[in-house]
C-alpha atoms as a PDB file:
ATOM      1  CA  MET A   1       0.887  14.265   9.294  1.00  0.00           C
ATOM      2  CA  PRO A   2       4.366  12.401   9.384  1.00  0.00           C
ATOM      3  CA  ASP A   3       4.768   8.923  10.031  1.00  0.00           C
ATOM      4  CA  VAL A   4       3.223   7.948  13.066  1.00  0.00           C
ATOM      5  CA  HIS A   5       5.070   4.576  15.105  1.00  0.00           C
ATOM      6  CA  ILE A   6       3.096   2.407  17.104  1.00  0.00           C
ATOM      7  CA  THR A   7       3.056  -0.895  18.525  1.00  0.00           C
ATOM      8  CA  VAL A   8       0.467  -3.439  17.382  1.00  0.00           C
ATOM      9  CA  GLU A   9      -0.238  -6.486  19.779  1.00  0.00           C
ATOM     10  CA  PHE A  10      -2.884  -9.461  18.952  1.00  0.00           C
ATOM     11  CA  GLY A  11      -3.650 -12.030  22.125  1.00  0.00           C
ATOM     12  CA  GLY A  12      -6.368 -14.925  23.332  1.00  0.00           C
ATOM     13  CA  GLY A  13      -5.616 -16.480  19.593  1.00  0.00           C
ATOM     14  CA  ALA A  14      -6.106 -13.518  17.443  1.00  0.00           C
ATOM     15  CA  GLU A  15      -2.127 -13.701  16.950  1.00  0.00           C
ATOM     16  CA  LEU A  16      -3.103 -16.916  15.046  1.00  0.00           C
ATOM     17  CA  LEU A  17      -4.816 -14.831  12.162  1.00  0.00           C
ATOM     18  CA  PHE A  18      -1.227 -12.772  12.013  1.00  0.00           C
ATOM     19  CA  ASP A  19       1.079 -15.741  11.791  1.00  0.00           C
ATOM     20  CA  ASN A  20       1.300 -16.375  15.216  1.00  0.00           C
ATOM     21  CA  LYS A  21       3.108 -13.101  15.924  1.00  0.00           C
ATOM     22  CA  LYS A  22       2.009 -11.344  18.511  1.00  0.00           C
ATOM     23  CA  THR A  23       3.973  -7.804  19.068  1.00  0.00           C
ATOM     24  CA  HIS A  24       4.421  -5.757  15.346  1.00  0.00           C
ATOM     25  CA  SER A  25       5.929  -2.526  15.456  1.00  0.00           C
ATOM     26  CA  VAL A  26       4.344  -0.628  12.914  1.00  0.00           C
ATOM     27  CA  THR A  27       4.884   2.544  11.067  1.00  0.00           C
ATOM     28  CA  LEU A  28       1.832   4.339   9.848  1.00  0.00           C
ATOM     29  CA  PRO A  29       2.905   6.140   6.399  1.00  0.00           C
ATOM     30  CA  GLU A  30       2.650   9.758   6.266  1.00  0.00           C
ATOM     31  CA  LYS A  31      -1.158  11.016   5.032  1.00  0.00           C
ATOM     32  CA  ASP A  32      -3.067  14.295   4.743  1.00  0.00           C
ATOM     33  CA  LYS A  33      -5.122  13.856   8.394  1.00  0.00           C
ATOM     34  CA  GLU A  34      -4.835  11.751  11.398  1.00  0.00           C
ATOM     35  CA  TRP A  35      -4.663   8.100  11.501  1.00  0.00           C
ATOM     36  CA  LEU A  36      -7.964   6.655  13.395  1.00  0.00           C
ATOM     37  CA  ILE A  37      -8.273   3.145  14.594  1.00  0.00           C
ATOM     38  CA  LYS A  38     -10.611   2.364  11.967  1.00  0.00           C
ATOM     39  CA  ASP A  39      -8.112   3.462   9.417  1.00  0.00           C
ATOM     40  CA  LEU A  40      -5.588   1.287  11.136  1.00  0.00           C
ATOM     41  CA  LEU A  41      -7.909  -1.710  10.983  1.00  0.00           C
ATOM     42  CA  THR A  42      -8.086  -1.168   7.438  1.00  0.00           C
ATOM     43  CA  TRP A  43      -4.220  -0.925   7.338  1.00  0.00           C
ATOM     44  CA  ILE A  44      -4.116  -4.012   9.560  1.00  0.00           C
ATOM     45  CA  ARG A  45      -6.284  -6.048   7.203  1.00  0.00           C
ATOM     46  CA  ASP A  46      -4.446  -5.076   4.339  1.00  0.00           C
ATOM     47  CA  ASN A  47      -0.774  -5.537   5.798  1.00  0.00           C
ATOM     48  CA  LEU A  48      -0.820  -7.691   8.535  1.00  0.00           C
ATOM     49  CA  LEU A  49      -3.860 -10.320   8.546  1.00  0.00           C
ATOM     50  CA  LYS A  50      -2.913 -13.318   6.720  1.00  0.00           C
ATOM     51  CA  GLU A  51      -5.703 -15.268   6.919  1.00  0.00           C
ATOM     52  CA  ARG A  52      -9.460 -15.379   7.411  1.00  0.00           C
ATOM     53  CA  PRO A  53     -10.639 -11.334   7.943  1.00  0.00           C
ATOM     54  CA  GLU A  54     -14.002 -12.159   8.487  1.00  0.00           C
ATOM     55  CA  LEU A  55     -12.792 -13.810  12.591  1.00  0.00           C
ATOM     56  CA  PHE A  56     -11.071 -10.331  13.084  1.00  0.00           C
ATOM     57  CA  LEU A  57     -13.445  -7.376  11.469  1.00  0.00           C
ATOM     58  CA  GLN A  58     -16.813  -7.307  10.934  1.00  0.00           C
ATOM     59  CA  ASP A  59     -17.782  -4.023   8.858  1.00  0.00           C
ATOM     60  CA  ASP A  60     -15.630  -1.098   9.671  1.00  0.00           C
ATOM     61  CA  SER A  61     -14.620  -2.636  13.279  1.00  0.00           C
ATOM     62  CA  VAL A  62     -13.577  -5.621  14.947  1.00  0.00           C
ATOM     63  CA  ARG A  63     -15.785  -8.378  15.270  1.00  0.00           C
ATOM     64  CA  PRO A  64     -17.588  -8.396  18.808  1.00  0.00           C
ATOM     65  CA  GLY A  65     -15.777 -10.591  21.005  1.00  0.00           C
ATOM     66  CA  ILE A  66     -12.419  -8.816  20.215  1.00  0.00           C
ATOM     67  CA  LEU A  67     -11.111  -6.570  23.085  1.00  0.00           C
ATOM     68  CA  VAL A  68      -8.950  -3.405  22.123  1.00  0.00           C
ATOM     69  CA  LEU A  69      -6.928  -1.801  24.298  1.00  0.00           C
ATOM     70  CA  ILE A  70      -5.068   1.771  23.557  1.00  0.00           C
ATOM     71  CA  ASN A  71      -2.362   1.928  26.021  1.00  0.00           C
ATOM     72  CA  ASP A  72      -4.031  -0.421  28.625  1.00  0.00           C
ATOM     73  CA  THR A  73      -7.082   1.229  28.272  1.00  0.00           C
ATOM     74  CA  ASP A  74     -10.551   0.106  26.901  1.00  0.00           C
ATOM     75  CA  TRP A  75     -11.156   1.679  23.440  1.00  0.00           C
ATOM     76  CA  GLU A  76     -14.391   2.171  24.879  1.00  0.00           C
ATOM     77  CA  LEU A  77     -13.350   5.087  26.834  1.00  0.00           C
ATOM     78  CA  MET A  78     -11.229   6.401  23.767  1.00  0.00           C
ATOM     79  CA  ASP A  79     -13.968   7.059  21.469  1.00  0.00           C
ATOM     80  CA  THR A  80     -13.357   3.498  19.823  1.00  0.00           C
ATOM     81  CA  ILE A  81     -12.815   3.196  15.834  1.00  0.00           C
ATOM     82  CA  ASN A  82     -12.644   7.277  15.892  1.00  0.00           C
ATOM     83  CA  TYR A  83      -9.852   7.745  18.471  1.00  0.00           C
ATOM     84  CA  VAL A  84      -6.694   9.430  17.249  1.00  0.00           C
ATOM     85  CA  ILE A  85      -3.724   7.491  17.008  1.00  0.00           C
ATOM     86  CA  GLN A  86      -0.698   8.943  18.761  1.00  0.00           C
ATOM     87  CA  GLU A  87       3.043   8.366  18.599  1.00  0.00           C
ATOM     88  CA  ASN A  88       4.284   5.564  20.069  1.00  0.00           C
ATOM     89  CA  ASP A  89       0.840   4.080  21.307  1.00  0.00           C
ATOM     90  CA  LYS A  90       0.279   0.326  21.734  1.00  0.00           C
ATOM     91  CA  ILE A  91      -2.728  -0.947  20.865  1.00  0.00           C
ATOM     92  CA  LEU A  92      -3.516  -4.273  22.028  1.00  0.00           C
ATOM     93  CA  PHE A  93      -6.035  -6.845  20.543  1.00  0.00           C
ATOM     94  CA  ILE A  94      -7.601  -9.948  22.814  1.00  0.00           C
ATOM     95  CA  SER A  95      -9.593 -12.548  21.349  1.00  0.00           C
ATOM     96  CA  THR A  96     -12.020 -13.673  23.688  1.00  0.00           C
ATOM     97  CA  LEU A  97     -13.730 -16.278  21.568  1.00  0.00           C
ATOM     98  CA  HIS A  98     -12.622 -19.914  21.838  1.00  0.00           C
ATOM     99  CA  GLY A  99     -13.090 -22.708  19.765  1.00  0.00           C
ATOM    100  CA  GLY A 100     -14.169 -25.557  21.456  1.00  0.00           C
END
């Protein structure tokens, strides 16, 4: 599969784990099979996440309290971590957890 170009966005405080940058233009490198969201989460951990991965990831998915939207649609309707990423997808992670 060729490179895949997507936009990854973070909001609701999640951007604090990513150098306070909300929007990232990402090129996922060519590989022999399709990119799934679970592959993207590993890629984000290794390439974008700057601190405290336990606040973003849990096991092979995102932590409870983080909403994931794929092209403005809840990922729960899109097969969650098994969604096949498409060229120009916009994937948004929004934290609903607020410290006090």
